[in-house]
């Protein structure tokens, strides 16, 4: 579930919980609305906590390179000490 789907669930849930005044036999629309709000909030939190860190990459010359494999800058050896 992405952030957009989570926001959609929150919006539909809020409409059902607070704006709809219909009676359906055997179904409590207010409860369904609160469940959708909770599912939307939980989906957004999980999206931000679990999936956002995977999207961070370091780009060097247009290709993703892990930070540990980046070449050392000019004048510094691989241990970070200045070359004399």
C-alpha atoms as a PDB file:
ATOM      1  CA  UNK A   1       0.000   0.000   0.000  1.00  0.00           C
ATOM      2  CA  UNK A   2       1.431   3.338  -0.999  1.00  0.00           C
ATOM      3  CA  UNK A   3       0.961   6.725   0.573  1.00  0.00           C
ATOM      4  CA  UNK A   4      -1.733   7.613  -1.963  1.00  0.00           C
ATOM      5  CA  UNK A   5      -3.798   4.529  -1.133  1.00  0.00           C
ATOM      6  CA  UNK A   6      -3.441   5.294   2.584  1.00  0.00           C
ATOM      7  CA  UNK A   7      -4.713   8.831   2.065  1.00  0.00           C
ATOM      8  CA  UNK A   8      -7.597   7.459  -0.023  1.00  0.00           C
ATOM      9  CA  UNK A   9      -8.570   5.035   2.768  1.00  0.00           C
ATOM     10  CA  UNK A  10      -8.468   7.854   5.332  1.00  0.00           C
ATOM     11  CA  UNK A  11     -10.668  10.068   3.136  1.00  0.00           C
ATOM     12  CA  UNK A  12     -13.255   7.350   2.421  1.00  0.00           C
ATOM     13  CA  UNK A  13     -13.241   6.295   6.071  1.00  0.00           C
ATOM     14  CA  UNK A  14     -13.791   9.862   7.241  1.00  0.00           C
ATOM     15  CA  UNK A  15     -16.701  10.235   4.841  1.00  0.00           C
ATOM     16  CA  UNK A  16     -18.294   7.026   6.105  1.00  0.00           C
ATOM     17  CA  UNK A  17     -17.621   7.816   9.767  1.00  0.00           C
ATOM     18  CA  UNK A  18     -18.655  11.464   9.876  1.00  0.00           C
ATOM     19  CA  UNK A  19     -20.715  12.425   6.808  1.00  0.00           C
ATOM     20  CA  UNK A  20     -22.922   9.474   5.847  1.00  0.00           C
ATOM     21  CA  UNK A  21     -26.210   9.252   7.697  1.00  0.00           C
ATOM     22  CA  UNK A  22     -27.594   6.117   6.052  1.00  0.00           C
ATOM     23  CA  UNK A  23     -28.821   2.967   7.751  1.00  0.00           C
ATOM     24  CA  UNK A  24     -27.783  -0.394   6.316  1.00  0.00           C
ATOM     25  CA  UNK A  25     -29.200  -3.553   7.830  1.00  0.00           C
ATOM     26  CA  UNK A  26     -26.475  -5.515   9.644  1.00  0.00           C
ATOM     27  CA  UNK A  27     -23.649  -3.059   8.844  1.00  0.00           C
ATOM     28  CA  UNK A  28     -22.483  -0.178  10.997  1.00  0.00           C
ATOM     29  CA  UNK A  29     -21.093   2.353   8.488  1.00  0.00           C
ATOM     30  CA  UNK A  30     -19.479   4.454  11.210  1.00  0.00           C
ATOM     31  CA  UNK A  31     -17.438   1.453  12.388  1.00  0.00           C
ATOM     32  CA  UNK A  32     -16.396   0.620   8.804  1.00  0.00           C
ATOM     33  CA  UNK A  33     -15.267   4.245   8.440  1.00  0.00           C
ATOM     34  CA  UNK A  34     -13.091   4.109  11.546  1.00  0.00           C
ATOM     35  CA  UNK A  35     -11.590   0.806  10.380  1.00  0.00           C
ATOM     36  CA  UNK A  36     -10.689   2.387   7.033  1.00  0.00           C
ATOM     37  CA  UNK A  37      -9.142   5.393   8.777  1.00  0.00           C
ATOM     38  CA  UNK A  38      -7.026   3.081  10.925  1.00  0.00           C
ATOM     39  CA  UNK A  39      -5.966   0.997   7.920  1.00  0.00           C
ATOM     40  CA  UNK A  40      -4.963   4.137   6.023  1.00  0.00           C
ATOM     41  CA  UNK A  41      -2.901   5.527   8.903  1.00  0.00           C
ATOM     42  CA  UNK A  42      -1.223   2.156   9.465  1.00  0.00           C
ATOM     43  CA  UNK A  43      -0.479   1.827   5.751  1.00  0.00           C
ATOM     44  CA  UNK A  44       1.150   5.262   5.594  1.00  0.00           C
ATOM     45  CA  UNK A  45       3.265   4.568   8.689  1.00  0.00           C
ATOM     46  CA  UNK A  46       4.431   1.213   7.330  1.00  0.00           C
ATOM     47  CA  UNK A  47       5.215   2.763   3.956  1.00  0.00           C
ATOM     48  CA  UNK A  48       7.360   5.466   5.536  1.00  0.00           C
ATOM     49  CA  UNK A  49       9.151   3.227   8.038  1.00  0.00           C
ATOM     50  CA  UNK A  50       9.717   0.048   6.051  1.00  0.00           C
ATOM     51  CA  UNK A  51       9.923   0.972   2.407  1.00  0.00           C
ATOM     52  CA  UNK A  52      11.370   4.500   2.342  1.00  0.00           C
ATOM     53  CA  UNK A  53      14.941   3.500   3.411  1.00  0.00           C
ATOM     54  CA  UNK A  54      15.207   1.135   0.397  1.00  0.00           C
ATOM     55  CA  UNK A  55      14.839   4.004  -2.029  1.00  0.00           C
ATOM     56  CA  UNK A  56      17.969   5.870  -0.937  1.00  0.00           C
ATOM     57  CA  UNK A  57      20.935   5.368  -3.268  1.00  0.00           C
ATOM     58  CA  UNK A  58      24.189   7.165  -3.908  1.00  0.00           C
ATOM     59  CA  UNK A  59      24.531   8.153  -7.554  1.00  0.00           C
ATOM     60  CA  UNK A  60      27.935   8.416  -9.178  1.00  0.00           C
ATOM     61  CA  UNK A  61      28.053   9.073 -12.935  1.00  0.00           C
ATOM     62  CA  UNK A  62      24.434   7.963 -13.312  1.00  0.00           C
ATOM     63  CA  UNK A  63      24.816   4.524 -11.695  1.00  0.00           C
ATOM     64  CA  UNK A  64      24.029   3.466  -8.145  1.00  0.00           C
ATOM     65  CA  UNK A  65      27.222   2.713  -6.215  1.00  0.00           C
ATOM     66  CA  UNK A  66      27.291   1.766  -2.520  1.00  0.00           C
ATOM     67  CA  UNK A  67      29.075   4.359  -0.394  1.00  0.00           C
ATOM     68  CA  UNK A  68      31.769   1.855   0.698  1.00  0.00           C
ATOM     69  CA  UNK A  69      32.790   1.249  -2.948  1.00  0.00           C
ATOM     70  CA  UNK A  70      33.136   4.869  -4.023  1.00  0.00           C
ATOM     71  CA  UNK A  71      36.637   5.852  -5.187  1.00  0.00           C
ATOM     72  CA  UNK A  72      38.770   7.843  -2.775  1.00  0.00           C
ATOM     73  CA  UNK A  73      39.086  11.568  -3.545  1.00  0.00           C
ATOM     74  CA  UNK A  74      42.334  12.882  -5.073  1.00  0.00           C
ATOM     75  CA  UNK A  75      45.175  13.117  -2.562  1.00  0.00           C
ATOM     76  CA  UNK A  76      43.764  10.552  -0.094  1.00  0.00           C
ATOM     77  CA  UNK A  77      44.540   6.816   0.108  1.00  0.00           C
ATOM     78  CA  UNK A  78      41.865   4.145   0.745  1.00  0.00           C
ATOM     79  CA  UNK A  79      42.212   4.579   4.534  1.00  0.00           C
ATOM     80  CA  UNK A  80      41.479   8.301   4.349  1.00  0.00           C
ATOM     81  CA  UNK A  81      45.049   9.439   5.026  1.00  0.00           C
ATOM     82  CA  UNK A  82      46.579  12.204   2.894  1.00  0.00           C
ATOM     83  CA  UNK A  83      49.068  11.070   0.231  1.00  0.00           C
ATOM     84  CA  UNK A  84      52.399  12.902   0.403  1.00  0.00           C
END
